N, C-alpha and C. Protein backbone atom coordinates (compact mmCIF):
# COMPACT_ATOMS: atom_id res chain seq x y z
N MET A 1 95.77 44.89 80.18
CA MET A 1 97.19 45.88 80.82
C MET A 1 97.49 46.45 80.45
N GLY A 2 97.41 46.86 78.81
CA GLY A 2 98.02 47.75 78.63
C GLY A 2 97.28 49.29 78.39
N ASN A 3 95.68 49.23 78.62
CA ASN A 3 95.02 50.24 78.41
C ASN A 3 94.64 50.94 79.58
N GLU A 4 95.34 50.23 80.41
CA GLU A 4 95.12 50.44 82.04
C GLU A 4 96.77 51.37 82.68
N LEU A 5 97.54 50.83 81.80
CA LEU A 5 98.88 52.05 82.20
C LEU A 5 98.41 52.73 81.40
N GLY A 6 98.16 52.69 79.99
CA GLY A 6 97.62 53.98 78.94
C GLY A 6 96.83 55.09 79.96
N LEU A 7 95.97 54.75 80.15
CA LEU A 7 94.92 55.42 81.20
C LEU A 7 95.72 55.97 82.76
N ILE A 8 96.59 55.31 83.07
CA ILE A 8 97.04 55.80 84.78
C ILE A 8 98.24 56.83 84.06
N LEU A 9 98.57 56.67 82.54
CA LEU A 9 99.87 57.68 82.26
C LEU A 9 98.89 58.91 81.82
N LEU A 10 97.74 59.04 81.20
CA LEU A 10 97.20 60.30 80.88
C LEU A 10 96.95 60.49 82.23
N LEU A 11 96.36 59.66 83.11
CA LEU A 11 95.56 60.71 84.24
C LEU A 11 96.80 61.59 85.48
N VAL A 12 97.77 60.85 85.10
CA VAL A 12 98.95 61.77 85.78
C VAL A 12 99.43 62.58 84.95
N PHE A 13 99.18 62.80 83.83
CA PHE A 13 100.10 63.87 83.19
C PHE A 13 98.75 65.26 83.21
N ILE A 14 97.58 64.38 83.26
CA ILE A 14 96.43 65.72 83.63
C ILE A 14 96.54 66.00 84.89
N LEU A 15 96.85 65.37 86.38
CA LEU A 15 97.10 65.75 87.35
C LEU A 15 98.50 66.83 87.61
N THR A 16 99.44 66.56 86.71
CA THR A 16 100.83 67.54 86.51
C THR A 16 100.09 68.83 86.12
N ILE A 17 100.03 68.81 84.96
CA ILE A 17 98.90 69.89 84.20
C ILE A 17 98.30 70.96 85.66
N VAL A 18 97.53 69.87 85.79
CA VAL A 18 96.47 71.02 86.79
C VAL A 18 97.66 71.67 88.44
N LEU A 19 98.24 70.69 88.71
CA LEU A 19 98.66 71.10 90.05
C LEU A 19 99.92 72.41 88.77
N ILE A 20 100.34 72.11 87.79
CA ILE A 20 101.44 73.28 87.33
C ILE A 20 100.46 74.99 87.45
N ALA A 21 99.33 74.60 86.87
CA ALA A 21 98.32 75.57 86.58
C ALA A 21 97.89 76.11 87.91
N ILE A 22 97.56 75.04 89.08
CA ILE A 22 97.30 75.67 90.33
C ILE A 22 98.81 76.52 91.09
N LEU A 23 99.80 76.11 90.69
CA LEU A 23 101.11 76.78 91.52
C LEU A 23 100.86 78.20 90.96
N PHE A 24 100.88 78.23 89.42
CA PHE A 24 101.41 79.27 88.66
C PHE A 24 99.87 80.85 88.87
N ILE A 25 98.74 79.99 89.11
CA ILE A 25 97.98 81.02 89.32
C ILE A 25 97.90 81.37 90.75
N SER A 26 98.36 80.67 91.74
CA SER A 26 98.51 80.95 93.27
C SER A 26 99.56 81.57 93.37
N THR A 27 100.28 81.85 92.75
CA THR A 27 102.17 82.58 93.23
C THR A 27 101.11 83.76 92.61
N GLU A 28 101.53 85.21 93.93
CA GLU A 28 101.81 86.07 93.89
C GLU A 28 102.84 87.14 93.31
N VAL A 29 102.91 87.80 92.42
CA VAL A 29 104.23 88.59 91.63
C VAL A 29 104.04 89.57 92.97
N TYR A 30 105.73 90.05 93.75
CA TYR A 30 105.47 91.32 94.46
C TYR A 30 106.70 91.88 93.75
N GLU A 31 106.51 93.19 93.89
CA GLU A 31 107.63 94.17 93.33
C GLU A 31 107.70 95.39 94.87
N LYS A 32 109.62 94.73 94.86
CA LYS A 32 109.87 95.56 95.55
C LYS A 32 109.78 96.93 96.14
N VAL A 33 110.19 97.61 96.41
CA VAL A 33 109.97 99.41 96.81
C VAL A 33 110.73 100.02 98.03
N TYR A 34 111.90 100.04 97.36
CA TYR A 34 112.91 100.48 98.79
C TYR A 34 112.79 101.89 99.27
N LEU A 35 112.94 101.90 100.72
CA LEU A 35 112.79 103.30 101.94
C LEU A 35 113.86 104.11 101.02
N ASN A 36 113.93 105.54 99.81
CA ASN A 36 114.88 106.38 100.20
C ASN A 36 114.70 107.92 100.75
N ASN A 37 115.09 108.80 100.19
CA ASN A 37 115.28 109.87 101.12
C ASN A 37 113.86 110.61 100.61
N ASN A 38 113.32 110.29 100.01
CA ASN A 38 111.28 110.26 99.83
C ASN A 38 110.04 110.01 100.43
N TYR A 39 110.64 109.59 102.08
CA TYR A 39 109.37 108.36 102.33
C TYR A 39 109.13 109.42 104.05
N ARG A 40 107.96 108.68 104.56
CA ARG A 40 107.98 109.08 105.64
C ARG A 40 106.84 108.61 106.36
N ILE A 41 106.76 108.03 107.59
CA ILE A 41 106.39 106.86 108.72
C ILE A 41 104.79 107.95 108.56
N ILE A 42 103.84 107.02 108.41
CA ILE A 42 102.09 108.21 108.70
C ILE A 42 102.09 107.43 110.41
N ASP A 43 102.06 105.99 110.44
CA ASP A 43 101.66 105.05 111.67
C ASP A 43 101.91 104.18 111.45
N GLY A 44 102.05 103.01 112.53
CA GLY A 44 102.60 102.14 113.03
C GLY A 44 102.47 100.66 111.70
N ASP A 45 101.48 101.23 110.71
CA ASP A 45 100.95 100.16 109.47
C ASP A 45 100.90 100.85 108.18
N THR A 46 101.16 101.90 108.13
CA THR A 46 100.98 103.06 107.11
C THR A 46 102.72 103.39 106.78
N VAL A 47 103.14 103.71 105.54
CA VAL A 47 104.03 104.52 105.21
C VAL A 47 103.81 105.02 104.02
N GLU A 48 104.39 106.14 103.45
CA GLU A 48 104.51 106.64 102.07
C GLU A 48 106.16 106.75 101.54
N ILE A 49 105.57 106.33 100.45
CA ILE A 49 106.91 106.49 99.59
C ILE A 49 106.86 107.15 98.65
N ASN A 50 107.78 107.96 97.54
CA ASN A 50 107.90 108.71 97.05
C ASN A 50 106.44 109.22 96.49
N GLY A 51 105.12 109.55 97.66
CA GLY A 51 104.02 109.51 97.16
C GLY A 51 102.73 108.89 97.45
N VAL A 52 103.32 107.50 96.98
CA VAL A 52 102.15 106.22 97.12
C VAL A 52 102.26 105.71 98.88
N VAL A 53 100.97 105.84 99.34
CA VAL A 53 100.80 105.12 100.68
C VAL A 53 100.73 103.99 100.39
N TYR A 54 101.29 103.18 101.51
CA TYR A 54 101.23 101.90 101.41
C TYR A 54 101.10 101.60 102.87
N ARG A 55 99.82 100.60 102.98
CA ARG A 55 99.35 99.98 104.23
C ARG A 55 99.81 98.16 104.66
N ASP A 56 100.23 98.24 105.67
CA ASP A 56 100.64 96.65 105.48
C ASP A 56 99.59 95.58 105.96
N MET A 57 99.68 94.93 105.28
CA MET A 57 97.80 94.43 105.12
C MET A 57 98.36 92.57 106.04
N ILE A 58 99.33 92.91 106.57
CA ILE A 58 99.29 91.95 108.10
C ILE A 58 98.76 92.37 109.29
N ILE A 59 98.93 93.56 109.65
CA ILE A 59 98.51 93.93 111.13
C ILE A 59 97.70 95.29 110.99
N ASP A 60 97.30 95.03 112.53
CA ASP A 60 96.84 97.14 112.28
C ASP A 60 97.10 97.07 113.55
N ALA A 61 98.05 98.29 113.53
CA ALA A 61 98.77 98.91 114.54
C ALA A 61 97.58 100.11 115.34
N PRO A 62 97.93 100.35 116.61
CA PRO A 62 96.88 101.43 117.52
C PRO A 62 97.60 102.21 117.13
N GLU A 63 96.20 103.41 117.22
CA GLU A 63 96.30 104.51 116.72
C GLU A 63 96.75 105.84 117.37
N ILE A 64 97.17 106.49 116.82
CA ILE A 64 97.93 108.07 117.75
C ILE A 64 96.73 109.21 117.82
N GLY A 65 96.09 108.97 119.41
CA GLY A 65 94.95 110.38 119.55
C GLY A 65 94.12 109.47 119.61
N LYS A 66 92.78 110.45 119.12
CA LYS A 66 91.28 109.98 120.01
C LYS A 66 90.65 109.12 118.77
N ASN A 67 92.03 108.53 117.86
CA ASN A 67 91.30 108.32 116.90
C ASN A 67 91.33 106.29 117.26
N GLN A 68 91.42 106.22 118.32
CA GLN A 68 91.83 104.22 118.24
C GLN A 68 90.66 103.15 118.29
N LYS A 69 90.87 102.46 117.35
CA LYS A 69 89.41 101.70 116.91
C LYS A 69 89.13 101.03 117.98
N ASP A 70 87.34 100.79 117.87
CA ASP A 70 86.53 100.50 118.67
C ASP A 70 86.90 98.77 118.83
N ARG A 71 87.02 98.57 117.51
CA ARG A 71 86.81 96.95 117.06
C ARG A 71 88.04 95.83 118.66
N TRP A 72 88.98 96.43 118.35
CA TRP A 72 90.07 96.23 119.62
C TRP A 72 89.72 96.49 121.22
N VAL A 73 88.98 97.90 121.30
CA VAL A 73 88.64 98.56 123.03
C VAL A 73 88.07 97.60 122.92
N LYS A 74 86.69 97.44 122.25
CA LYS A 74 85.89 96.16 122.75
C LYS A 74 86.37 95.03 122.83
N GLU A 75 86.80 94.40 121.92
CA GLU A 75 86.85 93.19 121.51
C GLU A 75 88.05 92.25 122.77
N PHE A 76 89.23 93.06 123.08
CA PHE A 76 89.71 92.79 124.03
C PHE A 76 90.00 93.29 124.91
N ASP A 77 89.00 94.39 125.93
CA ASP A 77 88.85 95.26 127.18
C ASP A 77 90.19 95.89 126.90
N LEU A 78 90.64 97.33 126.38
CA LEU A 78 91.55 97.55 126.76
C LEU A 78 91.56 99.35 126.46
N ASN A 79 92.47 99.52 127.44
CA ASN A 79 92.34 100.80 127.94
C ASN A 79 92.97 102.09 127.02
N LYS A 80 92.30 102.95 126.59
CA LYS A 80 92.49 103.60 124.77
C LYS A 80 94.19 104.40 125.38
N SER A 81 93.99 105.08 126.32
CA SER A 81 95.60 105.94 126.74
C SER A 81 96.73 104.84 126.94
N CYS A 82 96.02 103.92 127.09
CA CYS A 82 97.66 102.74 127.37
C CYS A 82 98.29 103.00 126.02
N MET A 83 96.74 101.96 125.02
CA MET A 83 97.18 101.90 123.78
C MET A 83 98.02 103.24 123.05
N GLU A 84 97.42 104.34 123.63
CA GLU A 84 98.74 105.52 122.45
C GLU A 84 99.71 105.24 123.06
N THR A 85 100.04 105.14 123.92
CA THR A 85 101.98 104.57 123.89
C THR A 85 102.41 103.88 123.41
N TYR A 86 101.90 102.58 122.83
CA TYR A 86 102.00 101.36 122.21
C TYR A 86 102.17 102.20 120.65
N ALA A 87 101.16 103.01 120.46
CA ALA A 87 100.88 103.05 119.15
C ALA A 87 102.21 104.22 118.45
N ARG A 88 102.67 105.04 119.64
CA ARG A 88 103.90 106.04 119.68
C ARG A 88 105.35 104.77 118.88
N LEU A 89 104.72 103.55 120.08
CA LEU A 89 105.99 103.06 119.74
C LEU A 89 106.07 101.81 118.90
N ALA A 90 105.01 101.91 117.98
CA ALA A 90 104.99 100.97 116.60
C ALA A 90 105.40 102.10 115.83
N MET A 91 104.69 103.13 115.69
CA MET A 91 105.55 104.28 114.82
C MET A 91 107.02 104.39 114.86
N ASP A 92 107.85 104.29 116.07
CA ASP A 92 109.27 104.58 116.36
C ASP A 92 109.96 103.27 115.78
N PHE A 93 109.30 102.03 116.15
CA PHE A 93 109.76 100.50 115.61
C PHE A 93 110.23 100.52 114.14
N VAL A 94 109.07 101.22 113.70
CA VAL A 94 108.79 101.13 112.08
C VAL A 94 109.74 102.15 111.51
N GLU A 95 109.82 103.07 112.25
CA GLU A 95 110.94 104.40 110.89
C GLU A 95 112.32 103.48 111.61
N LYS A 96 112.37 102.49 112.51
CA LYS A 96 113.76 102.84 112.73
C LYS A 96 114.43 100.83 112.24
N ASN A 97 112.78 99.91 111.44
CA ASN A 97 113.38 98.73 111.23
C ASN A 97 112.96 98.45 109.63
N ILE A 98 112.20 99.55 109.58
CA ILE A 98 111.72 99.47 107.75
C ILE A 98 112.78 99.37 106.61
N LYS A 99 113.06 98.57 105.39
CA LYS A 99 114.00 98.63 104.42
C LYS A 99 113.43 99.06 103.11
N TYR A 100 112.36 97.71 102.86
CA TYR A 100 111.73 97.71 101.79
C TYR A 100 109.76 97.89 102.24
N VAL A 101 108.98 97.43 101.47
CA VAL A 101 108.03 97.38 101.09
C VAL A 101 107.54 95.87 100.06
N LYS A 102 106.77 95.01 99.93
CA LYS A 102 106.86 94.09 99.28
C LYS A 102 105.33 94.33 98.96
N THR A 103 104.83 94.47 97.75
CA THR A 103 103.64 94.98 97.35
C THR A 103 103.39 93.58 95.87
N ASN A 104 101.80 93.16 95.78
CA ASN A 104 101.40 92.85 94.40
C ASN A 104 100.95 93.75 94.28
N GLY A 105 100.56 95.16 93.96
CA GLY A 105 99.55 96.42 94.05
C GLY A 105 98.44 96.63 93.90
N LYS A 106 97.65 95.39 94.54
CA LYS A 106 95.91 95.30 95.18
C LYS A 106 96.04 96.45 96.46
N LYS A 107 95.16 97.28 96.14
CA LYS A 107 94.94 98.64 97.39
C LYS A 107 93.56 97.87 98.14
N ASP A 108 93.47 98.93 99.43
CA ASP A 108 92.68 98.52 100.58
C ASP A 108 91.36 99.68 100.32
N LYS A 109 90.31 99.83 100.61
CA LYS A 109 88.79 100.79 100.20
C LYS A 109 89.45 102.40 100.41
N TYR A 110 90.52 102.66 101.29
CA TYR A 110 90.94 104.11 101.18
C TYR A 110 92.00 103.52 99.78
N ASN A 111 91.94 103.31 99.68
CA ASN A 111 92.91 103.33 98.07
C ASN A 111 94.90 103.42 98.72
N ARG A 112 94.78 103.20 99.16
CA ARG A 112 95.96 102.53 99.97
C ARG A 112 96.26 101.41 99.93
N THR A 113 98.23 101.40 98.73
CA THR A 113 98.56 99.68 98.02
C THR A 113 99.34 99.08 99.10
N LEU A 114 98.39 98.04 99.30
CA LEU A 114 98.43 96.78 100.33
C LEU A 114 99.96 96.45 100.28
N ALA A 115 100.92 95.82 101.21
CA ALA A 115 101.97 95.91 100.83
C ALA A 115 102.42 95.18 102.11
N ILE A 116 103.94 94.30 102.63
CA ILE A 116 104.20 93.26 103.62
C ILE A 116 105.57 94.40 103.63
N PHE A 117 105.18 95.05 104.84
CA PHE A 117 106.85 95.79 104.82
C PHE A 117 107.79 94.22 105.81
N MET A 118 109.00 94.94 105.82
CA MET A 118 110.00 93.97 105.25
C MET A 118 111.83 95.01 106.36
N THR A 119 112.14 94.40 107.25
CA THR A 119 113.59 94.96 107.52
C THR A 119 114.41 93.78 106.28
N GLU A 120 115.48 93.84 106.32
CA GLU A 120 116.57 92.98 105.20
C GLU A 120 116.34 91.97 105.07
N THR A 121 115.51 90.73 105.98
CA THR A 121 115.60 89.91 106.35
C THR A 121 114.36 88.95 106.74
N GLN A 122 112.91 90.11 107.10
CA GLN A 122 111.85 89.13 108.29
C GLN A 122 111.06 90.06 108.22
N VAL A 123 109.77 90.03 108.25
CA VAL A 123 108.43 90.56 108.14
C VAL A 123 108.16 91.32 108.87
N LEU A 124 108.04 92.97 108.56
CA LEU A 124 108.18 93.40 109.92
C LEU A 124 107.57 93.72 110.83
N GLY A 125 105.69 92.83 110.27
CA GLY A 125 104.31 93.06 111.33
C GLY A 125 104.71 91.75 112.12
N LEU A 126 105.57 91.02 111.80
CA LEU A 126 105.62 89.58 112.50
C LEU A 126 105.54 89.72 113.95
N ILE A 127 107.21 90.56 113.56
CA ILE A 127 107.84 91.19 115.02
C ILE A 127 107.49 91.89 115.33
N MET A 128 106.15 92.70 114.82
CA MET A 128 105.77 93.79 115.71
C MET A 128 104.58 93.34 116.70
N VAL A 129 103.35 91.52 116.41
CA VAL A 129 102.81 91.33 117.31
C VAL A 129 103.40 90.40 117.78
N GLU A 130 104.50 89.81 117.45
CA GLU A 130 105.33 89.46 118.60
C GLU A 130 106.28 89.67 119.82
N GLN A 131 106.05 91.64 119.46
CA GLN A 131 106.45 92.43 120.99
C GLN A 131 105.49 93.48 121.09
N GLY A 132 104.14 92.81 120.97
CA GLY A 132 103.01 93.47 121.35
C GLY A 132 103.05 94.88 121.00
N LEU A 133 103.72 95.18 119.72
CA LEU A 133 103.43 96.58 118.76
C LEU A 133 102.05 96.58 118.19
N ALA A 134 101.16 95.92 117.98
CA ALA A 134 100.48 95.39 116.95
C ALA A 134 99.31 94.33 116.95
N PHE A 135 97.98 94.48 116.45
CA PHE A 135 97.35 93.30 115.86
C PHE A 135 97.53 92.69 115.06
N CYS A 136 96.52 91.45 114.73
CA CYS A 136 96.62 90.48 113.28
C CYS A 136 96.11 91.54 112.43
N TYR A 137 95.95 91.75 111.32
CA TYR A 137 94.42 92.03 111.08
C TYR A 137 93.46 90.65 110.68
N TYR A 138 93.81 90.04 110.42
CA TYR A 138 92.87 88.72 110.09
C TYR A 138 92.81 88.52 111.30
N ARG A 139 91.46 88.05 111.41
CA ARG A 139 91.53 87.11 113.22
C ARG A 139 90.93 85.52 112.48
N SER A 140 91.52 85.01 111.04
CA SER A 140 91.07 83.77 111.21
C SER A 140 92.28 83.01 110.13
N SER A 141 93.04 82.31 109.41
CA SER A 141 93.92 81.85 108.66
C SER A 141 93.04 82.64 107.38
N ARG A 142 94.67 83.00 106.53
CA ARG A 142 94.06 82.45 105.21
C ARG A 142 94.93 82.79 104.67
N ASP A 143 96.57 82.57 104.76
CA ASP A 143 97.87 82.25 104.39
C ASP A 143 98.54 81.97 105.13
N SER A 144 99.17 81.68 105.40
CA SER A 144 101.17 81.42 105.92
C SER A 144 101.09 82.64 107.23
N TYR A 145 101.58 83.89 106.40
CA TYR A 145 101.26 84.71 106.96
C TYR A 145 100.41 85.22 108.50
N THR A 146 99.11 84.85 107.75
CA THR A 146 98.37 85.07 109.04
C THR A 146 97.90 83.94 110.25
N GLY A 147 98.62 82.71 109.64
CA GLY A 147 98.71 81.83 110.27
C GLY A 147 99.60 81.73 111.80
N GLN A 148 101.02 82.33 111.44
CA GLN A 148 101.93 82.59 111.87
C GLN A 148 101.48 83.69 113.04
N CYS A 149 100.58 84.86 112.04
CA CYS A 149 100.59 86.18 112.77
C CYS A 149 99.51 85.44 113.91
N LEU A 150 99.03 85.19 113.69
CA LEU A 150 97.91 84.72 115.31
C LEU A 150 98.58 83.90 116.68
N GLU A 151 99.55 83.13 115.67
CA GLU A 151 100.26 82.29 117.03
C GLU A 151 101.45 83.47 117.57
N LEU A 152 101.23 84.03 116.89
CA LEU A 152 102.30 85.15 118.07
C LEU A 152 101.25 86.03 118.55
N GLU A 153 99.99 87.04 117.80
CA GLU A 153 99.40 87.15 118.84
C GLU A 153 98.98 86.98 120.18
N GLN A 154 99.03 85.64 119.95
CA GLN A 154 98.46 84.69 121.23
C GLN A 154 99.51 84.81 121.78
N LYS A 155 100.86 84.34 121.89
CA LYS A 155 101.72 84.43 122.84
C LYS A 155 102.37 85.53 123.47
N ALA A 156 102.19 86.76 123.06
CA ALA A 156 101.97 87.88 123.39
C ALA A 156 101.06 88.45 124.34
N ARG A 157 99.32 87.87 123.80
CA ARG A 157 98.87 88.45 124.58
C ARG A 157 98.91 87.18 125.98
N SER A 158 98.68 85.79 126.16
CA SER A 158 99.15 85.50 127.04
C SER A 158 100.48 85.78 127.94
N ASN A 159 101.06 86.18 127.52
CA ASN A 159 102.39 86.99 128.89
C ASN A 159 102.43 88.15 128.66
N ARG A 160 100.85 89.10 128.36
CA ARG A 160 100.36 90.43 128.56
C ARG A 160 101.77 91.47 128.16
N ILE A 161 102.58 91.26 127.03
CA ILE A 161 103.52 91.70 126.15
C ILE A 161 102.76 93.20 125.62
N GLY A 162 103.68 94.29 125.83
CA GLY A 162 102.78 95.47 124.77
C GLY A 162 101.43 95.70 125.18
N ILE A 163 100.93 95.79 124.27
CA ILE A 163 99.63 96.02 123.94
C ILE A 163 98.69 95.53 124.87
N TRP A 164 99.03 94.44 125.19
CA TRP A 164 98.21 93.07 126.08
C TRP A 164 98.08 93.29 127.19
N ASN A 165 99.31 94.37 127.50
CA ASN A 165 99.46 94.96 128.74
C ASN A 165 98.49 95.94 129.24
N CYS A 166 97.81 96.43 128.72
CA CYS A 166 97.05 97.45 128.57
C CYS A 166 95.40 97.33 128.88
N GLN A 167 95.14 95.51 128.94
CA GLN A 167 93.80 95.00 129.41
C GLN A 167 93.69 95.51 130.63
N LEU A 168 91.99 96.00 130.32
CA LEU A 168 91.61 96.32 131.62
C LEU A 168 91.24 95.57 132.69
N SER A 169 90.60 94.37 132.49
CA SER A 169 90.33 92.65 133.02
C SER A 169 91.18 91.48 133.12
């Protein structure tokens, strides 16, 4: 009986250490970078602050001009000129609402720093998806933001809000 109790306590101790290690390893540290006088909005998912270009890692906003991504146009049968209207609205929305970005310092393939755009208290990208101003960047759940994003996108799509009003069929 004493050996069994000792073994159980040892297993509980080991599991506790493993759980603490997992939590420690999986917790990413984010730096907050606040907008100041030296910033510009490049488009609905990209801003530059103090010479550093930040890309929202949750969303993909429609493009301004003829560079509309075929990924979205083809996948969802969307009208390109209609999408450009929402690209401008997305850019204006970011201009009015972004307060800071949270970044872990990782870069994308274009050397932009990946970030989460924030209002004072909310994730800006999720608000944009809910209002039909952007798509979810990832199409399968990767983290809590992606899961929320896909749910909000489906709701906006079902109600034909924003970009989802650009569907041809």
